[in-house]
Amino acid sequence: MKRPAATRTTRALGDIGRHLGTWRRLRGLTAVQVCERANVTPATLSKLEAGKGSTLTTFLDVTRALGVLDDVVAAVDPLNSDIGRARAEELLPRRVRP
């Protein structure tokens, strides 16, 4: 049984969906063009832009079609955050022995 999404998650889905729609319009792309590039149906893109959720693969396909996939990947890279870099320095060995 699927559990309901937390409030912050629901809000983030809506925000991300709106951001995807904004990126599409900023790029001057129609929904049909994005669907063709991402290999998704118009209904799927509409749901995603409305913040209704989707699979991670579909989300990444759409971000690739919009030209922002690398930005999304960088956003979740732990080494792009202060805490991630600090923890990596703590966890990585100071020297490597042969």
PDB file of N, CA and C in Angstrom:
ATOM      1  N   MET A   1       0.832  -1.178   0.000  1.00  0.00           N
ATOM      2  CA  MET A   1       0.000   0.000   0.000  1.00  0.00           C
ATOM      3  C   MET A   1       0.882   1.248   0.000  1.00  0.00           C
ATOM      4  N   LYS A   2       0.538   2.183  -0.842  1.00  0.00           N
ATOM      5  CA  LYS A   2       1.314   3.407  -0.972  1.00  0.00           C
ATOM      6  C   LYS A   2       0.968   4.358   0.168  1.00  0.00           C
ATOM      7  N   ARG A   3       2.005   4.899   0.814  1.00  0.00           N
ATOM      8  CA  ARG A   3       1.763   5.833   1.911  1.00  0.00           C
ATOM      9  C   ARG A   3       1.637   7.248   1.361  1.00  0.00           C
ATOM     10  N   PRO A   4       0.870   8.102   2.018  1.00  0.00           N
ATOM     11  CA  PRO A   4       0.736   9.479   1.540  1.00  0.00           C
ATOM     12  C   PRO A   4       2.052  10.237   1.698  1.00  0.00           C
ATOM     13  N   ALA A   5       2.297  11.158   0.784  1.00  0.00           N
ATOM     14  CA  ALA A   5       3.527  11.950   0.828  1.00  0.00           C
ATOM     15  C   ALA A   5       3.456  12.958   1.967  1.00  0.00           C
ATOM     16  N   ALA A   6       4.598  13.225   2.567  1.00  0.00           N
ATOM     17  CA  ALA A   6       4.686  14.233   3.616  1.00  0.00           C
ATOM     18  C   ALA A   6       4.407  15.608   3.012  1.00  0.00           C
ATOM     19  N   THR A   7       3.973  16.526   3.850  1.00  0.00           N
ATOM     20  CA  THR A   7       3.614  17.863   3.391  1.00  0.00           C
ATOM     21  C   THR A   7       4.767  18.547   2.655  1.00  0.00           C
ATOM     22  N   ARG A   8       5.968  18.478   3.212  1.00  0.00           N
ATOM     23  CA  ARG A   8       7.115  19.111   2.545  1.00  0.00           C
ATOM     24  C   ARG A   8       7.398  18.453   1.203  1.00  0.00           C
ATOM     25  N   THR A   9       7.206  17.148   1.131  1.00  0.00           N
ATOM     26  CA  THR A   9       7.424  16.433  -0.125  1.00  0.00           C
ATOM     27  C   THR A   9       6.395  16.868  -1.157  1.00  0.00           C
ATOM     28  N   THR A  10       5.151  16.969  -0.745  1.00  0.00           N
ATOM     29  CA  THR A  10       4.085  17.406  -1.647  1.00  0.00           C
ATOM     30  C   THR A  10       4.363  18.811  -2.157  1.00  0.00           C
ATOM     31  N   ARG A  11       4.794  19.681  -1.260  1.00  0.00           N
ATOM     32  CA  ARG A  11       5.117  21.056  -1.642  1.00  0.00           C
ATOM     33  C   ARG A  11       6.297  21.065  -2.630  1.00  0.00           C
ATOM     34  N   ALA A  12       7.307  20.240  -2.371  1.00  0.00           N
ATOM     35  CA  ALA A  12       8.469  20.167  -3.265  1.00  0.00           C
ATOM     36  C   ALA A  12       8.070  19.641  -4.643  1.00  0.00           C
ATOM     37  N   LEU A  13       7.178  18.656  -4.684  1.00  0.00           N
ATOM     38  CA  LEU A  13       6.699  18.142  -5.970  1.00  0.00           C
ATOM     39  C   LEU A  13       6.062  19.257  -6.790  1.00  0.00           C
ATOM     40  N   GLY A  14       5.233  20.058  -6.136  1.00  0.00           N
ATOM     41  CA  GLY A  14       4.597  21.184  -6.824  1.00  0.00           C
ATOM     42  C   GLY A  14       5.612  22.202  -7.307  1.00  0.00           C
ATOM     43  N   ASP A  15       6.568  22.525  -6.443  1.00  0.00           N
ATOM     44  CA  ASP A  15       7.611  23.490  -6.818  1.00  0.00           C
ATOM     45  C   ASP A  15       8.425  22.984  -8.005  1.00  0.00           C
ATOM     46  N   ILE A  16       8.851  21.728  -7.931  1.00  0.00           N
ATOM     47  CA  ILE A  16       9.660  21.164  -9.015  1.00  0.00           C
ATOM     48  C   ILE A  16       8.860  21.108 -10.311  1.00  0.00           C
ATOM     49  N   GLY A  17       7.608  20.723 -10.226  1.00  0.00           N
ATOM     50  CA  GLY A  17       6.760  20.693 -11.416  1.00  0.00           C
ATOM     51  C   GLY A  17       6.654  22.065 -12.064  1.00  0.00           C
ATOM     52  N   ARG A  18       6.431  23.094 -11.241  1.00  0.00           N
ATOM     53  CA  ARG A  18       6.366  24.460 -11.772  1.00  0.00           C
ATOM     54  C   ARG A  18       7.705  24.873 -12.379  1.00  0.00           C
ATOM     55  N   HIS A  19       8.792  24.497 -11.726  1.00  0.00           N
ATOM     56  CA  HIS A  19      10.121  24.829 -12.256  1.00  0.00           C
ATOM     57  C   HIS A  19      10.350  24.167 -13.617  1.00  0.00           C
ATOM     58  N   LEU A  20       9.929  22.924 -13.759  1.00  0.00           N
ATOM     59  CA  LEU A  20      10.086  22.235 -15.045  1.00  0.00           C
ATOM     60  C   LEU A  20       9.302  22.954 -16.141  1.00  0.00           C
ATOM     61  N   GLY A  21       8.081  23.345 -15.821  1.00  0.00           N
ATOM     62  CA  GLY A  21       7.274  24.088 -16.792  1.00  0.00           C
ATOM     63  C   GLY A  21       7.911  25.420 -17.157  1.00  0.00           C
ATOM     64  N   THR A  22       8.484  26.080 -16.166  1.00  0.00           N
ATOM     65  CA  THR A  22       9.161  27.353 -16.424  1.00  0.00           C
ATOM     66  C   THR A  22      10.386  27.143 -17.314  1.00  0.00           C
ATOM     67  N   TRP A  23      11.180  26.101 -17.017  1.00  0.00           N
ATOM     68  CA  TRP A  23      12.339  25.800 -17.865  1.00  0.00           C
ATOM     69  C   TRP A  23      11.898  25.522 -19.299  1.00  0.00           C
ATOM     70  N   ARG A  24      10.811  24.788 -19.449  1.00  0.00           N
ATOM     71  CA  ARG A  24      10.328  24.464 -20.795  1.00  0.00           C
ATOM     72  C   ARG A  24      10.001  25.746 -21.557  1.00  0.00           C
ATOM     73  N   ARG A  25       9.291  26.659 -20.898  1.00  0.00           N
ATOM     74  CA  ARG A  25       8.921  27.911 -21.559  1.00  0.00           C
ATOM     75  C   ARG A  25      10.144  28.800 -21.808  1.00  0.00           C
ATOM     76  N   LEU A  26      11.084  28.841 -20.844  1.00  0.00           N
ATOM     77  CA  LEU A  26      12.307  29.628 -21.041  1.00  0.00           C
ATOM     78  C   LEU A  26      13.119  29.123 -22.229  1.00  0.00           C
ATOM     79  N   ARG A  27      13.088  27.826 -22.451  1.00  0.00           N
ATOM     80  CA  ARG A  27      13.809  27.232 -23.583  1.00  0.00           C
ATOM     81  C   ARG A  27      13.036  27.390 -24.895  1.00  0.00           C
ATOM     82  N   GLY A  28      11.800  27.888 -24.790  1.00  0.00           N
ATOM     83  CA  GLY A  28      10.983  28.067 -25.987  1.00  0.00           C
ATOM     84  C   GLY A  28      10.495  26.760 -26.571  1.00  0.00           C
ATOM     85  N   LEU A  29      10.315  25.760 -25.713  1.00  0.00           N
ATOM     86  CA  LEU A  29       9.887  24.437 -26.161  1.00  0.00           C
ATOM     87  C   LEU A  29       8.408  24.223 -25.879  1.00  0.00           C
ATOM     88  N   THR A  30       7.745  23.559 -26.796  1.00  0.00           N
ATOM     89  CA  THR A  30       6.367  23.160 -26.545  1.00  0.00           C
ATOM     90  C   THR A  30       6.371  21.869 -25.735  1.00  0.00           C
ATOM     91  N   ALA A  31       5.237  21.563 -25.161  1.00  0.00           N
ATOM     92  CA  ALA A  31       5.118  20.311 -24.415  1.00  0.00           C
ATOM     93  C   ALA A  31       5.374  19.123 -25.338  1.00  0.00           C
ATOM     94  N   VAL A  32       4.895  19.212 -26.559  1.00  0.00           N
ATOM     95  CA  VAL A  32       5.089  18.120 -27.519  1.00  0.00           C
ATOM     96  C   VAL A  32       6.577  17.916 -27.802  1.00  0.00           C
ATOM     97  N   GLN A  33       7.321  18.999 -27.962  1.00  0.00           N
ATOM     98  CA  GLN A  33       8.761  18.875 -28.214  1.00  0.00           C
ATOM     99  C   GLN A  33       9.479  18.201 -27.044  1.00  0.00           C
ATOM    100  N   VAL A  34       9.135  18.595 -25.826  1.00  0.00           N
ATOM    101  CA  VAL A  34       9.761  17.979 -24.652  1.00  0.00           C
ATOM    102  C   VAL A  34       9.387  16.505 -24.578  1.00  0.00           C
ATOM    103  N   CYS A  35       8.132  16.192 -24.843  1.00  0.00           N
ATOM    104  CA  CYS A  35       7.687  14.790 -24.818  1.00  0.00           C
ATOM    105  C   CYS A  35       8.467  13.949 -25.818  1.00  0.00           C
ATOM    106  N   GLU A  36       8.666  14.483 -27.012  1.00  0.00           N
ATOM    107  CA  GLU A  36       9.423  13.747 -28.028  1.00  0.00           C
ATOM    108  C   GLU A  36      10.866  13.544 -27.593  1.00  0.00           C
ATOM    109  N   ARG A  37      11.484  14.583 -27.058  1.00  0.00           N
ATOM    110  CA  ARG A  37      12.887  14.496 -26.637  1.00  0.00           C
ATOM    111  C   ARG A  37      13.074  13.580 -25.431  1.00  0.00           C
ATOM    112  N   ALA A  38      12.082  13.567 -24.540  1.00  0.00           N
ATOM    113  CA  ALA A  38      12.185  12.764 -23.314  1.00  0.00           C
ATOM    114  C   ALA A  38      11.553  11.389 -23.468  1.00  0.00           C
ATOM    115  N   ASN A  39      10.871  11.161 -24.591  1.00  0.00           N
ATOM    116  CA  ASN A  39      10.174   9.898 -24.836  1.00  0.00           C
ATOM    117  C   ASN A  39       9.135   9.617 -23.751  1.00  0.00           C
ATOM    118  N   VAL A  40       8.326  10.640 -23.463  1.00  0.00           N
ATOM    119  CA  VAL A  40       7.220  10.497 -22.516  1.00  0.00           C
ATOM    120  C   VAL A  40       5.940  10.962 -23.198  1.00  0.00           C
ATOM    121  N   THR A  41       4.816  10.570 -22.635  1.00  0.00           N
ATOM    122  CA  THR A  41       3.540  10.987 -23.197  1.00  0.00           C
ATOM    123  C   THR A  41       3.193  12.391 -22.706  1.00  0.00           C
ATOM    124  N   PRO A  42       2.339  13.099 -23.450  1.00  0.00           N
ATOM    125  CA  PRO A  42       1.889  14.410 -22.979  1.00  0.00           C
ATOM    126  C   PRO A  42       1.212  14.337 -21.609  1.00  0.00           C
ATOM    127  N   ALA A  43       0.485  13.265 -21.352  1.00  0.00           N
ATOM    128  CA  ALA A  43      -0.172  13.112 -20.049  1.00  0.00           C
ATOM    129  C   ALA A  43       0.865  13.006 -18.934  1.00  0.00           C
ATOM    130  N   THR A  44       1.945  12.281 -19.197  1.00  0.00           N
ATOM    131  CA  THR A  44       3.002  12.133 -18.190  1.00  0.00           C
ATOM    132  C   THR A  44       3.673  13.468 -17.917  1.00  0.00           C
ATOM    133  N   LEU A  45       4.001  14.217 -18.965  1.00  0.00           N
ATOM    134  CA  LEU A  45       4.627  15.530 -18.776  1.00  0.00           C
ATOM    135  C   LEU A  45       3.687  16.469 -18.035  1.00  0.00           C
ATOM    136  N   SER A  46       2.424  16.432 -18.388  1.00  0.00           N
ATOM    137  CA  SER A  46       1.438  17.281 -17.715  1.00  0.00           C
ATOM    138  C   SER A  46       1.369  16.972 -16.223  1.00  0.00           C
ATOM    139  N   LYS A  47       1.340  15.682 -15.885  1.00  0.00           N
ATOM    140  CA  LYS A  47       1.324  15.288 -14.473  1.00  0.00           C
ATOM    141  C   LYS A  47       2.583  15.756 -13.759  1.00  0.00           C
ATOM    142  N   LEU A  48       3.726  15.589 -14.404  1.00  0.00           N
ATOM    143  CA  LEU A  48       4.995  15.985 -13.792  1.00  0.00           C
ATOM    144  C   LEU A  48       5.032  17.494 -13.559  1.00  0.00           C
ATOM    145  N   GLU A  49       4.617  18.273 -14.548  1.00  0.00           N
ATOM    146  CA  GLU A  49       4.608  19.727 -14.400  1.00  0.00           C
ATOM    147  C   GLU A  49       3.569  20.188 -13.387  1.00  0.00           C
ATOM    148  N   ALA A  50       2.554  19.364 -13.142  1.00  0.00           N
ATOM    149  CA  ALA A  50       1.532  19.699 -12.149  1.00  0.00           C
ATOM    150  C   ALA A  50       1.927  19.242 -10.750  1.00  0.00           C
ATOM    151  N   GLY A  51       3.102  18.623 -10.634  1.00  0.00           N
ATOM    152  CA  GLY A  51       3.572  18.183  -9.328  1.00  0.00           C
ATOM    153  C   GLY A  51       2.911  16.922  -8.831  1.00  0.00           C
ATOM    154  N   LYS A  52       2.447  16.105  -9.752  1.00  0.00           N
ATOM    155  CA  LYS A  52       1.751  14.875  -9.365  1.00  0.00           C
ATOM    156  C   LYS A  52       2.682  13.690  -9.179  1.00  0.00           C
ATOM    157  N   GLY A  53       3.958  13.887  -9.395  1.00  0.00           N
ATOM    158  CA  GLY A  53       4.903  12.799  -9.180  1.00  0.00           C
ATOM    159  C   GLY A  53       5.103  11.966 -10.424  1.00  0.00           C
ATOM    160  N   SER A  54       6.155  11.195 -10.412  1.00  0.00           N
ATOM    161  CA  SER A  54       6.520  10.354 -11.540  1.00  0.00           C
ATOM    162  C   SER A  54       7.652   9.449 -11.084  1.00  0.00           C
ATOM    163  N   THR A  55       8.180   8.682 -12.008  1.00  0.00           N
ATOM    164  CA  THR A  55       9.351   7.880 -11.658  1.00  0.00           C
ATOM    165  C   THR A  55      10.591   8.766 -11.738  1.00  0.00           C
ATOM    166  N   LEU A  56      11.622   8.349 -11.056  1.00  0.00           N
ATOM    167  CA  LEU A  56      12.878   9.090 -11.109  1.00  0.00           C
ATOM    168  C   LEU A  56      13.427   9.095 -12.533  1.00  0.00           C
ATOM    169  N   THR A  57      13.292   7.984 -13.228  1.00  0.00           N
ATOM    170  CA  THR A  57      13.776   7.899 -14.605  1.00  0.00           C
ATOM    171  C   THR A  57      13.066   8.909 -15.498  1.00  0.00           C
ATOM    172  N   THR A  58      11.754   8.998 -15.374  1.00  0.00           N
ATOM    173  CA  THR A  58      10.992   9.952 -16.177  1.00  0.00           C
ATOM    174  C   THR A  58      11.401  11.379 -15.848  1.00  0.00           C
ATOM    175  N   PHE A  59      11.538  11.677 -14.563  1.00  0.00           N
ATOM    176  CA  PHE A  59      11.974  13.009 -14.143  1.00  0.00           C
ATOM    177  C   PHE A  59      13.324  13.346 -14.777  1.00  0.00           C
ATOM    178  N   LEU A  60      14.268  12.412 -14.721  1.00  0.00           N
ATOM    179  CA  LEU A  60      15.593  12.664 -15.282  1.00  0.00           C
ATOM    180  C   LEU A  60      15.550  12.775 -16.804  1.00  0.00           C
ATOM    181  N   ASP A  61      14.700  11.991 -17.462  1.00  0.00           N
ATOM    182  CA  ASP A  61      14.547  12.110 -18.914  1.00  0.00           C
ATOM    183  C   ASP A  61      14.049  13.503 -19.292  1.00  0.00           C
ATOM    184  N   VAL A  62      13.106  14.022 -18.529  1.00  0.00           N
ATOM    185  CA  VAL A  62      12.565  15.356 -18.807  1.00  0.00           C
ATOM    186  C   VAL A  62      13.618  16.426 -18.526  1.00  0.00           C
ATOM    187  N   THR A  63      14.358  16.287 -17.428  1.00  0.00           N
ATOM    188  CA  THR A  63      15.400  17.284 -17.153  1.00  0.00           C
ATOM    189  C   THR A  63      16.477  17.257 -18.241  1.00  0.00           C
ATOM    190  N   ARG A  64      16.774  16.065 -18.764  1.00  0.00           N
ATOM    191  CA  ARG A  64      17.729  15.971 -19.881  1.00  0.00           C
ATOM    192  C   ARG A  64      17.190  16.708 -21.097  1.00  0.00           C
ATOM    193  N   ALA A  65      15.903  16.493 -21.403  1.00  0.00           N
ATOM    194  CA  ALA A  65      15.279  17.152 -22.552  1.00  0.00           C
ATOM    195  C   ALA A  65      15.274  18.673 -22.393  1.00  0.00           C
ATOM    196  N   LEU A  66      15.228  19.133 -21.158  1.00  0.00           N
ATOM    197  CA  LEU A  66      15.220  20.574 -20.886  1.00  0.00           C
ATOM    198  C   LEU A  66      16.625  21.157 -20.751  1.00  0.00           C
ATOM    199  N   GLY A  67      17.639  20.293 -20.772  1.00  0.00           N
ATOM    200  CA  GLY A  67      19.012  20.762 -20.676  1.00  0.00           C
ATOM    201  C   GLY A  67      19.478  21.089 -19.275  1.00  0.00           C
ATOM    202  N   VAL A  68      18.806  20.540 -18.260  1.00  0.00           N
ATOM    203  CA  VAL A  68      19.197  20.833 -16.874  1.00  0.00           C
ATOM    204  C   VAL A  68      19.576  19.577 -16.086  1.00  0.00           C
ATOM    205  N   LEU A  69      19.769  18.464 -16.770  1.00  0.00           N
ATOM    206  CA  LEU A  69      20.109  17.215 -16.085  1.00  0.00           C
ATOM    207  C   LEU A  69      21.388  17.353 -15.267  1.00  0.00           C
ATOM    208  N   ASP A  70      22.422  17.946 -15.846  1.00  0.00           N
ATOM    209  CA  ASP A  70      23.685  18.090 -15.115  1.00  0.00           C
ATOM    210  C   ASP A  70      23.509  18.927 -13.850  1.00  0.00           C
ATOM    211  N   ASP A  71      22.653  19.940 -13.919  1.00  0.00           N
ATOM    212  CA  ASP A  71      22.384  20.770 -12.738  1.00  0.00           C
ATOM    213  C   ASP A  71      21.681  19.970 -11.647  1.00  0.00           C
ATOM    214  N   VAL A  72      20.756  19.106 -12.048  1.00  0.00           N
ATOM    215  CA  VAL A  72      20.043  18.267 -11.080  1.00  0.00           C
ATOM    216  C   VAL A  72      21.014  17.297 -10.417  1.00  0.00           C
ATOM    217  N   VAL A  73      21.861  16.672 -11.210  1.00  0.00           N
ATOM    218  CA  VAL A  73      22.847  15.733 -10.663  1.00  0.00           C
ATOM    219  C   VAL A  73      23.782  16.462  -9.701  1.00  0.00           C
ATOM    220  N   ALA A  74      24.236  17.642 -10.087  1.00  0.00           N
ATOM    221  CA  ALA A  74      25.137  18.417  -9.225  1.00  0.00           C
ATOM    222  C   ALA A  74      24.449  18.835  -7.931  1.00  0.00           C
ATOM    223  N   ALA A  75      23.149  19.084  -7.989  1.00  0.00           N
ATOM    224  CA  ALA A  75      22.418  19.529  -6.799  1.00  0.00           C
ATOM    225  C   ALA A  75      22.383  18.474  -5.700  1.00  0.00           C
ATOM    226  N   VAL A  76      22.474  17.208  -6.061  1.00  0.00           N
ATOM    227  CA  VAL A  76      22.434  16.153  -5.044  1.00  0.00           C
ATOM    228  C   VAL A  76      23.802  15.523  -4.790  1.00  0.00           C
ATOM    229  N   ASP A  77      24.837  16.076  -5.392  1.00  0.00           N
ATOM    230  CA  ASP A  77      26.196  15.583  -5.153  1.00  0.00           C
ATOM    231  C   ASP A  77      26.647  16.039  -3.772  1.00  0.00           C
ATOM    232  N   PRO A  78      26.937  15.115  -2.868  1.00  0.00           N
ATOM    233  CA  PRO A  78      27.321  15.507  -1.513  1.00  0.00           C
ATOM    234  C   PRO A  78      28.587  16.357  -1.471  1.00  0.00           C
ATOM    235  N   LEU A  79      29.445  16.203  -2.445  1.00  0.00           N
ATOM    236  CA  LEU A  79      30.673  16.997  -2.447  1.00  0.00           C
ATOM    237  C   LEU A  79      30.438  18.441  -2.887  1.00  0.00           C
ATOM    238  N   ASN A  80      29.216  18.751  -3.294  1.00  0.00           N
ATOM    239  CA  ASN A  80      28.856  20.129  -3.620  1.00  0.00           C
ATOM    240  C   ASN A  80      28.266  20.860  -2.421  1.00  0.00           C
ATOM    241  N   SER A  81      28.337  20.252  -1.247  1.00  0.00           N
ATOM    242  CA  SER A  81      27.825  20.898  -0.035  1.00  0.00           C
ATOM    243  C   SER A  81      28.937  20.986   1.005  1.00  0.00           C
ATOM    244  N   ASP A  82      28.827  21.960   1.872  1.00  0.00           N
ATOM    245  CA  ASP A  82      29.832  22.125   2.928  1.00  0.00           C
ATOM    246  C   ASP A  82      29.916  20.883   3.804  1.00  0.00           C
ATOM    247  N   ILE A  83      28.759  20.354   4.214  1.00  0.00           N
ATOM    248  CA  ILE A  83      28.760  19.191   5.106  1.00  0.00           C
ATOM    249  C   ILE A  83      29.317  17.958   4.393  1.00  0.00           C
ATOM    250  N   GLY A  84      28.992  17.803   3.119  1.00  0.00           N
ATOM    251  CA  GLY A  84      29.511  16.659   2.370  1.00  0.00           C
ATOM    252  C   GLY A  84      31.022  16.702   2.240  1.00  0.00           C
ATOM    253  N   ARG A  85      31.547  17.874   1.932  1.00  0.00           N
ATOM    254  CA  ARG A  85      33.008  18.011   1.820  1.00  0.00           C
ATOM    255  C   ARG A  85      33.676  17.781   3.171  1.00  0.00           C
ATOM    256  N   ALA A  86      33.076  18.318   4.240  1.00  0.00           N
ATOM    257  CA  ALA A  86      33.655  18.148   5.580  1.00  0.00           C
ATOM    258  C   ALA A  86      33.670  16.675   5.983  1.00  0.00           C
ATOM    259  N   ARG A  87      32.576  15.979   5.758  1.00  0.00           N
ATOM    260  CA  ARG A  87      32.504  14.559   6.116  1.00  0.00           C
ATOM    261  C   ARG A  87      33.447  13.730   5.249  1.00  0.00           C
ATOM    262  N   ALA A  88      33.578  14.083   3.982  1.00  0.00           N
ATOM    263  CA  ALA A  88      34.478  13.339   3.100  1.00  0.00           C
ATOM    264  C   ALA A  88      35.912  13.462   3.597  1.00  0.00           C
ATOM    265  N   GLU A  89      36.283  14.645   4.046  1.00  0.00           N
ATOM    266  CA  GLU A  89      37.638  14.830   4.572  1.00  0.00           C
ATOM    267  C   GLU A  89      37.850  13.985   5.824  1.00  0.00           C
ATOM    268  N   GLU A  90      36.809  13.856   6.647  1.00  0.00           N
ATOM    269  CA  GLU A  90      36.903  13.045   7.866  1.00  0.00           C
ATOM    270  C   GLU A  90      36.990  11.555   7.543  1.00  0.00           C
ATOM    271  N   LEU A  91      36.235  11.125   6.547  1.00  0.00           N
ATOM    272  CA  LEU A  91      36.103   9.699   6.260  1.00  0.00           C
ATOM    273  C   LEU A  91      37.175   9.145   5.334  1.00  0.00           C
ATOM    274  N   LEU A  92      37.727   9.983   4.471  1.00  0.00           N
ATOM    275  CA  LEU A  92      38.734   9.490   3.537  1.00  0.00           C
ATOM    276  C   LEU A  92      40.077   9.357   4.241  1.00  0.00           C
ATOM    277  N   PRO A  93      40.829   8.331   3.875  1.00  0.00           N
ATOM    278  CA  PRO A  93      42.132   8.146   4.527  1.00  0.00           C
ATOM    279  C   PRO A  93      43.081   9.295   4.192  1.00  0.00           C
ATOM    280  N   ARG A  94      43.940   9.608   5.138  1.00  0.00           N
ATOM    281  CA  ARG A  94      44.926  10.676   4.942  1.00  0.00           C
ATOM    282  C   ARG A  94      45.974  10.269   3.906  1.00  0.00           C
ATOM    283  N   ARG A  95      46.314   9.001   3.917  1.00  0.00           N
ATOM    284  CA  ARG A  95      47.271   8.509   2.936  1.00  0.00           C
ATOM    285  C   ARG A  95      46.902   7.084   2.561  1.00  0.00           C
ATOM    286  N   VAL A  96      47.333   6.696   1.409  1.00  0.00           N
ATOM    287  CA  VAL A  96      47.054   5.354   0.907  1.00  0.00           C
ATOM    288  C   VAL A  96      48.359   4.574   0.916  1.00  0.00           C
ATOM    289  N   ARG A  97      48.310   3.406   1.521  1.00  0.00           N
ATOM    290  CA  ARG A  97      49.507   2.556   1.585  1.00  0.00           C
ATOM    291  C   ARG A  97      49.499   1.574   0.432  1.00  0.00           C
ATOM    292  N   PRO A  98      50.690   1.303  -0.134  1.00  0.00           N
ATOM    293  CA  PRO A  98      50.775   0.359  -1.265  1.00  0.00           C
ATOM    294  C   PRO A  98      50.493  -1.066  -0.846  1.00  0.00           C
TER     295      PRO A  98
END
